[in-house]
Amino acid sequence: MDRLKNILIKVGLERGYERLTEREKKIINFYYLEGYTDEEIAKLYGICHQSVNESRQKGIKKLKYF
C-alpha cells in the first residue's frame, strides 16, 4: 500500500489519500496497481463485485474532488 501512497503524493493527492478508508485504499491498490478485477477482489473480501465497484468509485471521487 505504500506504493499507492507514494504515487498519490507524487501527483499531489496526499490529502485525498488521507480521506480514503482502509478498504478503499486496498481496493484501489488491488484494482489499479495489482491488476485484479472487481470479481477477484470481491472473492478476497467475501462480498459481491458491485460492492467492490462502489467502494472503488467512492474512493476515486474522494481523490478527484479534494
Protein backbone atom coordinates (compact mmCIF):
# COMPACT_ATOMS: atom_id res chain seq x y z
CA MET A 1 0.00 0.00 0.00
CA ASP A 2 2.98 2.30 0.41
CA ARG A 3 3.26 2.21 -3.37
CA LEU A 4 -0.21 3.73 -3.74
CA LYS A 5 0.57 6.39 -1.16
CA ASN A 6 3.86 7.28 -2.86
CA ILE A 7 2.19 7.59 -6.26
CA LEU A 8 -0.56 9.83 -4.90
CA ILE A 9 1.95 12.02 -3.06
CA LYS A 10 3.94 12.47 -6.27
CA VAL A 11 0.87 13.75 -8.09
CA GLY A 12 -0.24 15.99 -5.22
CA LEU A 13 -3.09 13.87 -3.89
CA GLU A 14 -1.74 13.09 -0.43
CA ARG A 15 -4.61 14.92 1.26
CA GLY A 16 -7.09 12.88 -0.74
CA TYR A 17 -5.26 9.70 0.24
CA GLU A 18 -5.75 10.57 3.90
CA ARG A 19 -9.51 10.73 3.35
CA LEU A 20 -9.72 7.17 2.00
CA THR A 21 -10.85 4.35 4.24
CA GLU A 22 -8.50 1.38 4.61
CA ARG A 23 -10.87 -0.69 2.49
CA GLU A 24 -10.91 1.92 -0.29
CA LYS A 25 -7.11 2.07 -0.23
CA LYS A 26 -6.82 -1.69 -0.53
CA ILE A 27 -9.41 -1.95 -3.29
CA ILE A 28 -7.82 0.87 -5.30
CA ASN A 29 -4.43 -0.74 -4.84
CA PHE A 30 -5.66 -4.18 -5.92
CA TYR A 31 -7.54 -2.81 -8.93
CA TYR A 32 -5.19 -0.17 -10.34
CA LEU A 33 -1.76 -1.33 -9.19
CA GLU A 34 -2.09 -5.11 -8.93
CA GLY A 35 -4.47 -5.62 -11.86
CA TYR A 36 -7.21 -7.51 -10.02
CA THR A 37 -10.77 -7.43 -11.35
CA ASP A 38 -13.76 -6.44 -9.23
CA GLU A 39 -14.78 -10.10 -9.14
CA GLU A 40 -11.36 -11.21 -7.87
CA ILE A 41 -11.33 -8.53 -5.17
CA ALA A 42 -14.87 -9.48 -4.18
CA LYS A 43 -13.74 -13.08 -3.61
CA LEU A 44 -10.92 -11.87 -1.36
CA TYR A 45 -13.36 -9.88 0.78
CA GLY A 46 -16.30 -12.29 0.55
CA ILE A 47 -18.59 -9.61 -0.88
CA CYS A 48 -20.32 -9.02 -4.23
CA HIS A 49 -18.46 -7.33 -7.06
CA GLN A 50 -20.94 -4.44 -7.03
CA SER A 51 -19.79 -3.54 -3.52
CA VAL A 52 -16.19 -3.54 -4.70
CA ASN A 53 -17.09 -1.28 -7.61
CA GLU A 54 -18.99 1.11 -5.35
CA SER A 55 -16.10 1.31 -2.86
CA ARG A 56 -13.60 1.91 -5.66
CA GLN A 57 -15.72 4.63 -7.25
CA LYS A 58 -16.31 6.30 -3.89
CA GLY A 59 -12.57 6.31 -3.21
CA ILE A 60 -11.78 7.74 -6.64
CA LYS A 61 -14.30 10.53 -6.07
CA LYS A 62 -12.58 11.38 -2.78
CA LEU A 63 -9.29 11.69 -4.63
CA LYS A 64 -10.79 13.57 -7.57
CA TYR A 65 -12.71 16.19 -5.61
CA PHE A 66 -10.21 17.02 -2.92
